[in-house]
């Protein structure tokens, strides 16, 4: 088991701020970093829920332009059935 230390809390704090939409400059200032690169590359970590939300946002964007983009992959007929229609 990995022990928790104060440094781990700095990473968690930076990631939490990023997840709530705090500007990178604010997070940088709160952590006392000299550059936003240090904050972004070292302290902010990916959160699966944020990634899912971002994908869902793009999906909604594409749905509003559905007639231009086409159906979702989940809406495409079964591939063998589709292939038989093309032959």
PDB file of N, CA and C in Angstrom:
ATOM      1  N   UNK A   1       0.830  -1.176   0.000  1.00  0.00           N
ATOM      2  CA  UNK A   1       0.000   0.000   0.000  1.00  0.00           C
ATOM      3  C   UNK A   1       0.881   1.249   0.000  1.00  0.00           C
ATOM      4  N   UNK A   2       0.501   2.213  -0.803  1.00  0.00           N
ATOM      5  CA  UNK A   2       1.280   3.444  -0.908  1.00  0.00           C
ATOM      6  C   UNK A   2       0.808   4.414   0.156  1.00  0.00           C
ATOM      7  N   UNK A   3       1.757   4.968   0.884  1.00  0.00           N
ATOM      8  CA  UNK A   3       1.403   5.937   1.913  1.00  0.00           C
ATOM      9  C   UNK A   3       1.032   7.285   1.314  1.00  0.00           C
ATOM     10  N   UNK A   4       0.188   8.004   1.976  1.00  0.00           N
ATOM     11  CA  UNK A   4      -0.232   9.329   1.552  1.00  0.00           C
ATOM     12  C   UNK A   4       0.637  10.354   2.262  1.00  0.00           C
ATOM     13  N   UNK A   5       1.125  11.333   1.510  1.00  0.00           N
ATOM     14  CA  UNK A   5       1.923  12.384   2.127  1.00  0.00           C
ATOM     15  C   UNK A   5       1.418  13.754   1.680  1.00  0.00           C
ATOM     16  N   UNK A   6       1.965  14.811   2.223  1.00  0.00           N
ATOM     17  CA  UNK A   6       1.505  16.164   1.898  1.00  0.00           C
ATOM     18  C   UNK A   6       1.697  16.485   0.427  1.00  0.00           C
ATOM     19  N   UNK A   7       2.734  15.967  -0.163  1.00  0.00           N
ATOM     20  CA  UNK A   7       2.975  16.235  -1.583  1.00  0.00           C
ATOM     21  C   UNK A   7       1.847  15.648  -2.443  1.00  0.00           C
ATOM     22  N   UNK A   8       1.340  14.495  -2.056  1.00  0.00           N
ATOM     23  CA  UNK A   8       0.219  13.883  -2.777  1.00  0.00           C
ATOM     24  C   UNK A   8      -0.994  14.811  -2.754  1.00  0.00           C
ATOM     25  N   UNK A   9      -1.212  15.486  -1.610  1.00  0.00           N
ATOM     26  CA  UNK A   9      -2.337  16.412  -1.511  1.00  0.00           C
ATOM     27  C   UNK A   9      -2.196  17.590  -2.464  1.00  0.00           C
ATOM     28  N   UNK A  10      -0.968  18.024  -2.733  1.00  0.00           N
ATOM     29  CA  UNK A  10      -0.760  19.113  -3.712  1.00  0.00           C
ATOM     30  C   UNK A  10      -1.235  18.676  -5.099  1.00  0.00           C
ATOM     31  N   UNK A  11      -0.917  17.446  -5.485  1.00  0.00           N
ATOM     32  CA  UNK A  11      -1.367  16.918  -6.772  1.00  0.00           C
ATOM     33  C   UNK A  11      -2.894  16.829  -6.807  1.00  0.00           C
ATOM     34  N   UNK A  12      -3.482  16.312  -5.730  1.00  0.00           N
ATOM     35  CA  UNK A  12      -4.938  16.176  -5.662  1.00  0.00           C
ATOM     36  C   UNK A  12      -5.610  17.553  -5.711  1.00  0.00           C
ATOM     37  N   UNK A  13      -5.029  18.518  -5.028  1.00  0.00           N
ATOM     38  CA  UNK A  13      -5.588  19.871  -5.007  1.00  0.00           C
ATOM     39  C   UNK A  13      -5.547  20.483  -6.412  1.00  0.00           C
ATOM     40  N   UNK A  14      -4.417  20.361  -7.079  1.00  0.00           N
ATOM     41  CA  UNK A  14      -4.286  20.906  -8.439  1.00  0.00           C
ATOM     42  C   UNK A  14      -5.266  20.237  -9.393  1.00  0.00           C
ATOM     43  N   UNK A  15      -5.401  18.936  -9.291  1.00  0.00           N
ATOM     44  CA  UNK A  15      -6.319  18.196 -10.161  1.00  0.00           C
ATOM     45  C   UNK A  15      -7.764  18.584  -9.869  1.00  0.00           C
ATOM     46  N   UNK A  16      -8.096  18.760  -8.604  1.00  0.00           N
ATOM     47  CA  UNK A  16      -9.457  19.166  -8.236  1.00  0.00           C
ATOM     48  C   UNK A  16      -9.774  20.559  -8.767  1.00  0.00           C
ATOM     49  N   UNK A  17      -8.840  21.477  -8.634  1.00  0.00           N
ATOM     50  CA  UNK A  17      -9.050  22.824  -9.168  1.00  0.00           C
ATOM     51  C   UNK A  17      -9.282  22.775 -10.674  1.00  0.00           C
ATOM     52  N   UNK A  18      -8.478  21.981 -11.369  1.00  0.00           N
ATOM     53  CA  UNK A  18      -8.629  21.854 -12.820  1.00  0.00           C
ATOM     54  C   UNK A  18      -9.994  21.264 -13.166  1.00  0.00           C
ATOM     55  N   UNK A  19     -10.440  20.293 -12.405  1.00  0.00           N
ATOM     56  CA  UNK A  19     -11.726  19.648 -12.655  1.00  0.00           C
ATOM     57  C   UNK A  19     -12.901  20.600 -12.492  1.00  0.00           C
ATOM     58  N   UNK A  20     -12.744  21.590 -11.620  1.00  0.00           N
ATOM     59  CA  UNK A  20     -13.824  22.551 -11.406  1.00  0.00           C
ATOM     60  C   UNK A  20     -13.775  23.699 -12.405  1.00  0.00           C
ATOM     61  N   UNK A  21     -12.741  23.711 -13.255  1.00  0.00           N
ATOM     62  CA  UNK A  21     -12.646  24.750 -14.274  1.00  0.00           C
ATOM     63  C   UNK A  21     -11.833  25.963 -13.854  1.00  0.00           C
ATOM     64  N   UNK A  22     -11.100  25.860 -12.766  1.00  0.00           N
ATOM     65  CA  UNK A  22     -10.269  26.982 -12.327  1.00  0.00           C
ATOM     66  C   UNK A  22      -9.212  27.276 -13.395  1.00  0.00           C
ATOM     67  N   UNK A  23      -8.945  28.548 -13.660  1.00  0.00           N
ATOM     68  CA  UNK A  23      -7.895  28.887 -14.636  1.00  0.00           C
ATOM     69  C   UNK A  23      -6.540  28.352 -14.176  1.00  0.00           C
ATOM     70  N   UNK A  24      -5.726  27.965 -15.138  1.00  0.00           N
ATOM     71  CA  UNK A  24      -4.409  27.398 -14.810  1.00  0.00           C
ATOM     72  C   UNK A  24      -3.570  28.395 -14.026  1.00  0.00           C
ATOM     73  N   UNK A  25      -3.726  29.695 -14.321  1.00  0.00           N
ATOM     74  CA  UNK A  25      -2.977  30.724 -13.595  1.00  0.00           C
ATOM     75  C   UNK A  25      -3.346  30.772 -12.121  1.00  0.00           C
ATOM     76  N   UNK A  26      -4.599  30.542 -11.813  1.00  0.00           N
ATOM     77  CA  UNK A  26      -5.052  30.517 -10.419  1.00  0.00           C
ATOM     78  C   UNK A  26      -4.437  29.328  -9.700  1.00  0.00           C
ATOM     79  N   UNK A  27      -4.483  28.166 -10.337  1.00  0.00           N
ATOM     80  CA  UNK A  27      -3.897  26.967  -9.739  1.00  0.00           C
ATOM     81  C   UNK A  27      -2.402  27.156  -9.540  1.00  0.00           C
ATOM     82  N   UNK A  28      -1.737  27.716 -10.541  1.00  0.00           N
ATOM     83  CA  UNK A  28      -0.295  27.986 -10.452  1.00  0.00           C
ATOM     84  C   UNK A  28       0.006  28.882  -9.257  1.00  0.00           C
ATOM     85  N   UNK A  29      -0.762  29.946  -9.108  1.00  0.00           N
ATOM     86  CA  UNK A  29      -0.535  30.881  -8.003  1.00  0.00           C
ATOM     87  C   UNK A  29      -0.773  30.218  -6.646  1.00  0.00           C
ATOM     88  N   UNK A  30      -1.843  29.436  -6.539  1.00  0.00           N
ATOM     89  CA  UNK A  30      -2.142  28.776  -5.272  1.00  0.00           C
ATOM     90  C   UNK A  30      -1.061  27.786  -4.861  1.00  0.00           C
ATOM     91  N   UNK A  31      -0.452  27.141  -5.847  1.00  0.00           N
ATOM     92  CA  UNK A  31       0.603  26.169  -5.542  1.00  0.00           C
ATOM     93  C   UNK A  31       1.979  26.822  -5.443  1.00  0.00           C
ATOM     94  N   UNK A  32       2.069  28.086  -5.861  1.00  0.00           N
ATOM     95  CA  UNK A  32       3.343  28.802  -5.776  1.00  0.00           C
ATOM     96  C   UNK A  32       4.354  28.424  -6.832  1.00  0.00           C
ATOM     97  N   UNK A  33       3.889  27.969  -7.993  1.00  0.00           N
ATOM     98  CA  UNK A  33       4.803  27.588  -9.069  1.00  0.00           C
ATOM     99  C   UNK A  33       5.263  28.807  -9.864  1.00  0.00           C
ATOM    100  N   UNK A  34       6.449  28.717 -10.417  1.00  0.00           N
ATOM    101  CA  UNK A  34       6.994  29.827 -11.203  1.00  0.00           C
ATOM    102  C   UNK A  34       6.441  29.849 -12.623  1.00  0.00           C
ATOM    103  N   UNK A  35       5.910  28.729 -13.084  1.00  0.00           N
ATOM    104  CA  UNK A  35       5.344  28.700 -14.439  1.00  0.00           C
ATOM    105  C   UNK A  35       4.129  27.776 -14.480  1.00  0.00           C
ATOM    106  N   UNK A  36       3.232  28.063 -15.416  1.00  0.00           N
ATOM    107  CA  UNK A  36       2.049  27.210 -15.559  1.00  0.00           C
ATOM    108  C   UNK A  36       2.417  25.852 -16.142  1.00  0.00           C
ATOM    109  N   UNK A  37       3.554  25.764 -16.843  1.00  0.00           N
ATOM    110  CA  UNK A  37       4.010  24.477 -17.386  1.00  0.00           C
ATOM    111  C   UNK A  37       4.255  23.459 -16.273  1.00  0.00           C
ATOM    112  N   UNK A  38       4.890  23.899 -15.192  1.00  0.00           N
ATOM    113  CA  UNK A  38       5.138  22.993 -14.061  1.00  0.00           C
ATOM    114  C   UNK A  38       3.811  22.495 -13.510  1.00  0.00           C
ATOM    115  N   UNK A  39       2.868  23.424 -13.344  1.00  0.00           N
ATOM    116  CA  UNK A  39       1.554  23.058 -12.812  1.00  0.00           C
ATOM    117  C   UNK A  39       0.859  22.072 -13.727  1.00  0.00           C
ATOM    118  N   UNK A  40       0.829  22.376 -15.014  1.00  0.00           N
ATOM    119  CA  UNK A  40       0.088  21.555 -15.981  1.00  0.00           C
ATOM    120  C   UNK A  40       0.729  20.187 -16.178  1.00  0.00           C
ATOM    121  N   UNK A  41       2.026  20.150 -16.351  1.00  0.00           N
ATOM    122  CA  UNK A  41       2.686  18.885 -16.709  1.00  0.00           C
ATOM    123  C   UNK A  41       2.981  17.978 -15.516  1.00  0.00           C
ATOM    124  N   UNK A  42       3.128  18.560 -14.324  1.00  0.00           N
ATOM    125  CA  UNK A  42       3.526  17.759 -13.174  1.00  0.00           C
ATOM    126  C   UNK A  42       2.402  17.519 -12.186  1.00  0.00           C
ATOM    127  N   UNK A  43       1.552  18.512 -11.981  1.00  0.00           N
ATOM    128  CA  UNK A  43       0.590  18.436 -10.890  1.00  0.00           C
ATOM    129  C   UNK A  43      -0.839  18.120 -11.287  1.00  0.00           C
ATOM    130  N   UNK A  44      -1.233  18.447 -12.509  1.00  0.00           N
ATOM    131  CA  UNK A  44      -2.618  18.206 -12.908  1.00  0.00           C
ATOM    132  C   UNK A  44      -2.707  16.855 -13.606  1.00  0.00           C
ATOM    133  N   UNK A  45      -3.588  16.009 -13.104  1.00  0.00           N
ATOM    134  CA  UNK A  45      -3.730  14.657 -13.641  1.00  0.00           C
ATOM    135  C   UNK A  45      -5.117  14.473 -14.252  1.00  0.00           C
ATOM    136  N   UNK A  46      -5.209  13.546 -15.152  1.00  0.00           N
ATOM    137  CA  UNK A  46      -6.467  13.261 -15.840  1.00  0.00           C
ATOM    138  C   UNK A  46      -7.473  12.641 -14.882  1.00  0.00           C
ATOM    139  N   UNK A  47      -8.715  13.079 -15.017  1.00  0.00           N
ATOM    140  CA  UNK A  47      -9.814  12.519 -14.228  1.00  0.00           C
ATOM    141  C   UNK A  47     -10.777  11.869 -15.215  1.00  0.00           C
ATOM    142  N   UNK A  48     -11.032  10.554 -15.101  1.00  0.00           N
ATOM    143  CA  UNK A  48     -11.897   9.876 -16.062  1.00  0.00           C
ATOM    144  C   UNK A  48     -13.258  10.552 -16.248  1.00  0.00           C
ATOM    145  N   UNK A  49     -13.842  11.067 -15.200  1.00  0.00           N
ATOM    146  CA  UNK A  49     -15.156  11.718 -15.326  1.00  0.00           C
ATOM    147  C   UNK A  49     -15.054  12.961 -16.207  1.00  0.00           C
ATOM    148  N   UNK A  50     -13.933  13.686 -16.103  1.00  0.00           N
ATOM    149  CA  UNK A  50     -13.739  14.865 -16.951  1.00  0.00           C
ATOM    150  C   UNK A  50     -13.600  14.462 -18.414  1.00  0.00           C
ATOM    151  N   UNK A  51     -12.875  13.376 -18.664  1.00  0.00           N
ATOM    152  CA  UNK A  51     -12.713  12.894 -20.035  1.00  0.00           C
ATOM    153  C   UNK A  51     -14.059  12.468 -20.607  1.00  0.00           C
ATOM    154  N   UNK A  52     -14.832  11.766 -19.811  1.00  0.00           N
ATOM    155  CA  UNK A  52     -16.160  11.324 -20.260  1.00  0.00           C
ATOM    156  C   UNK A  52     -17.038  12.529 -20.575  1.00  0.00           C
ATOM    157  N   UNK A  53     -17.030  13.531 -19.697  1.00  0.00           N
ATOM    158  CA  UNK A  53     -17.835  14.734 -19.900  1.00  0.00           C
ATOM    159  C   UNK A  53     -17.413  15.465 -21.174  1.00  0.00           C
ATOM    160  N   UNK A  54     -16.103  15.520 -21.438  1.00  0.00           N
ATOM    161  CA  UNK A  54     -15.615  16.180 -22.649  1.00  0.00           C
ATOM    162  C   UNK A  54     -16.085  15.441 -23.896  1.00  0.00           C
ATOM    163  N   UNK A  55     -16.025  14.125 -23.881  1.00  0.00           N
ATOM    164  CA  UNK A  55     -16.492  13.335 -25.020  1.00  0.00           C
ATOM    165  C   UNK A  55     -17.986  13.521 -25.224  1.00  0.00           C
ATOM    166  N   UNK A  56     -18.748  13.530 -24.137  1.00  0.00           N
ATOM    167  CA  UNK A  56     -20.191  13.741 -24.245  1.00  0.00           C
ATOM    168  C   UNK A  56     -20.515  15.128 -24.795  1.00  0.00           C
ATOM    169  N   UNK A  57     -19.720  16.140 -24.411  1.00  0.00           N
ATOM    170  CA  UNK A  57     -19.927  17.487 -24.945  1.00  0.00           C
ATOM    171  C   UNK A  57     -19.704  17.526 -26.452  1.00  0.00           C
ATOM    172  N   UNK A  58     -18.652  16.867 -26.908  1.00  0.00           N
ATOM    173  CA  UNK A  58     -18.383  16.813 -28.351  1.00  0.00           C
ATOM    174  C   UNK A  58     -19.492  16.039 -29.056  1.00  0.00           C
ATOM    175  N   UNK A  59     -19.952  14.960 -28.447  1.00  0.00           N
ATOM    176  CA  UNK A  59     -21.035  14.170 -29.023  1.00  0.00           C
ATOM    177  C   UNK A  59     -22.287  15.027 -29.200  1.00  0.00           C
ATOM    178  N   UNK A  60     -22.626  15.814 -28.169  1.00  0.00           N
ATOM    179  CA  UNK A  60     -23.790  16.704 -28.278  1.00  0.00           C
ATOM    180  C   UNK A  60     -23.588  17.739 -29.379  1.00  0.00           C
ATOM    181  N   UNK A  61     -22.386  18.253 -29.499  1.00  0.00           N
ATOM    182  CA  UNK A  61     -22.080  19.221 -30.552  1.00  0.00           C
ATOM    183  C   UNK A  61     -22.307  18.601 -31.927  1.00  0.00           C
ATOM    184  N   UNK A  62     -21.844  17.368 -32.099  1.00  0.00           N
ATOM    185  CA  UNK A  62     -22.007  16.699 -33.385  1.00  0.00           C
ATOM    186  C   UNK A  62     -23.465  16.336 -33.650  1.00  0.00           C
ATOM    187  N   UNK A  63     -24.219  16.020 -32.603  1.00  0.00           N
ATOM    188  CA  UNK A  63     -25.638  15.705 -32.784  1.00  0.00           C
ATOM    189  C   UNK A  63     -26.396  16.899 -33.343  1.00  0.00           C
ATOM    190  N   UNK A  64     -26.010  18.091 -32.936  1.00  0.00           N
ATOM    191  CA  UNK A  64     -26.713  19.283 -33.427  1.00  0.00           C
ATOM    192  C   UNK A  64     -26.421  19.520 -34.903  1.00  0.00           C
ATOM    193  N   UNK A  65     -25.377  18.899 -35.395  1.00  0.00           N
ATOM    194  CA  UNK A  65     -25.029  19.018 -36.807  1.00  0.00           C
ATOM    195  C   UNK A  65     -25.119  17.658 -37.491  1.00  0.00           C
ATOM    196  N   UNK A  66     -25.989  16.793 -36.962  1.00  0.00           N
ATOM    197  CA  UNK A  66     -26.111  15.406 -37.409  1.00  0.00           C
ATOM    198  C   UNK A  66     -26.306  15.240 -38.895  1.00  0.00           C
ATOM    199  N   UNK A  67     -27.067  16.122 -39.515  1.00  0.00           N
ATOM    200  CA  UNK A  67     -27.311  15.960 -40.946  1.00  0.00           C
ATOM    201  C   UNK A  67     -26.029  16.163 -41.748  1.00  0.00           C
ATOM    202  N   UNK A  68     -25.073  16.886 -41.183  1.00  0.00           N
ATOM    203  CA  UNK A  68     -23.800  17.104 -41.876  1.00  0.00           C
ATOM    204  C   UNK A  68     -22.783  16.011 -41.567  1.00  0.00           C
ATOM    205  N   UNK A  69     -22.866  15.447 -40.366  1.00  0.00           N
ATOM    206  CA  UNK A  69     -21.859  14.491 -39.906  1.00  0.00           C
ATOM    207  C   UNK A  69     -22.249  13.058 -40.233  1.00  0.00           C
ATOM    208  N   UNK A  70     -23.507  12.709 -40.085  1.00  0.00           N
ATOM    209  CA  UNK A  70     -23.941  11.335 -40.297  1.00  0.00           C
ATOM    210  C   UNK A  70     -24.239  10.663 -38.981  1.00  0.00           C
ATOM    211  N   UNK A  71     -24.631   9.407 -39.018  1.00  0.00           N
ATOM    212  CA  UNK A  71     -25.025   8.710 -37.794  1.00  0.00           C
ATOM    213  C   UNK A  71     -23.835   8.377 -36.908  1.00  0.00           C
ATOM    214  N   UNK A  72     -24.124   8.143 -35.634  1.00  0.00           N
ATOM    215  CA  UNK A  72     -23.106   7.644 -34.717  1.00  0.00           C
ATOM    216  C   UNK A  72     -22.778   6.204 -35.113  1.00  0.00           C
ATOM    217  N   UNK A  73     -21.630   5.711 -34.699  1.00  0.00           N
ATOM    218  CA  UNK A  73     -21.271   4.322 -35.006  1.00  0.00           C
ATOM    219  C   UNK A  73     -22.285   3.359 -34.415  1.00  0.00           C
ATOM    220  N   UNK A  74     -22.869   3.735 -33.281  1.00  0.00           N
ATOM    221  CA  UNK A  74     -23.848   2.848 -32.662  1.00  0.00           C
ATOM    222  C   UNK A  74     -25.155   2.824 -33.436  1.00  0.00           C
ATOM    223  N   UNK A  75     -25.310   3.765 -34.367  1.00  0.00           N
ATOM    224  CA  UNK A  75     -26.530   3.828 -35.159  1.00  0.00           C
ATOM    225  C   UNK A  75     -26.355   3.205 -36.538  1.00  0.00           C
ATOM    226  N   UNK A  76     -25.151   2.761 -36.863  1.00  0.00           N
ATOM    227  CA  UNK A  76     -24.881   2.149 -38.157  1.00  0.00           C
ATOM    228  C   UNK A  76     -25.375   0.707 -38.118  1.00  0.00           C
ATOM    229  N   UNK A  77     -26.046   0.248 -39.171  1.00  0.00           N
ATOM    230  CA  UNK A  77     -26.519  -1.143 -39.180  1.00  0.00           C
ATOM    231  C   UNK A  77     -25.367  -2.130 -39.036  1.00  0.00           C
ATOM    232  N   UNK A  78     -25.720  -3.335 -38.703  1.00  0.00           N
ATOM    233  CA  UNK A  78     -24.740  -4.403 -38.570  1.00  0.00           C
ATOM    234  C   UNK A  78     -23.892  -4.478 -39.838  1.00  0.00           C
ATOM    235  N   UNK A  79     -22.582  -4.558 -39.707  1.00  0.00           N
ATOM    236  CA  UNK A  79     -21.680  -4.490 -40.859  1.00  0.00           C
ATOM    237  C   UNK A  79     -21.957  -5.583 -41.902  1.00  0.00           C
ATOM    238  N   UNK A  80     -22.158  -6.860 -41.550  1.00  0.00           N
ATOM    239  CA  UNK A  80     -22.462  -7.846 -42.593  1.00  0.00           C
ATOM    240  C   UNK A  80     -23.729  -7.479 -43.368  1.00  0.00           C
ATOM    241  N   UNK A  81     -24.721  -6.980 -42.652  1.00  0.00           N
ATOM    242  CA  UNK A  81     -25.960  -6.576 -43.319  1.00  0.00           C
ATOM    243  C   UNK A  81     -25.697  -5.392 -44.249  1.00  0.00           C
ATOM    244  N   UNK A  82     -24.889  -4.434 -43.790  1.00  0.00           N
ATOM    245  CA  UNK A  82     -24.554  -3.287 -44.615  1.00  0.00           C
ATOM    246  C   UNK A  82     -23.766  -3.715 -45.848  1.00  0.00           C
ATOM    247  N   UNK A  83     -22.837  -4.637 -45.690  1.00  0.00           N
ATOM    248  CA  UNK A  83     -22.008  -5.104 -46.807  1.00  0.00           C
ATOM    249  C   UNK A  83     -22.882  -5.796 -47.860  1.00  0.00           C
ATOM    250  N   UNK A  84     -23.871  -6.550 -47.408  1.00  0.00           N
ATOM    251  CA  UNK A  84     -24.732  -7.240 -48.379  1.00  0.00           C
ATOM    252  C   UNK A  84     -25.543  -6.234 -49.202  1.00  0.00           C
ATOM    253  N   UNK A  85     -25.835  -5.097 -48.634  1.00  0.00           N
ATOM    254  CA  UNK A  85     -26.562  -4.066 -49.374  1.00  0.00           C
ATOM    255  C   UNK A  85     -25.684  -3.409 -50.431  1.00  0.00           C
ATOM    256  N   UNK A  86     -24.371  -3.414 -50.199  1.00  0.00           N
ATOM    257  CA  UNK A  86     -23.434  -2.763 -51.119  1.00  0.00           C
ATOM    258  C   UNK A  86     -23.028  -3.661 -52.276  1.00  0.00           C
ATOM    259  N   UNK A  87     -23.216  -4.963 -52.146  1.00  0.00           N
ATOM    260  CA  UNK A  87     -22.781  -5.912 -53.184  1.00  0.00           C
ATOM    261  C   UNK A  87     -23.822  -6.043 -54.267  1.00  0.00           C
TER     262      UNK A  87
END
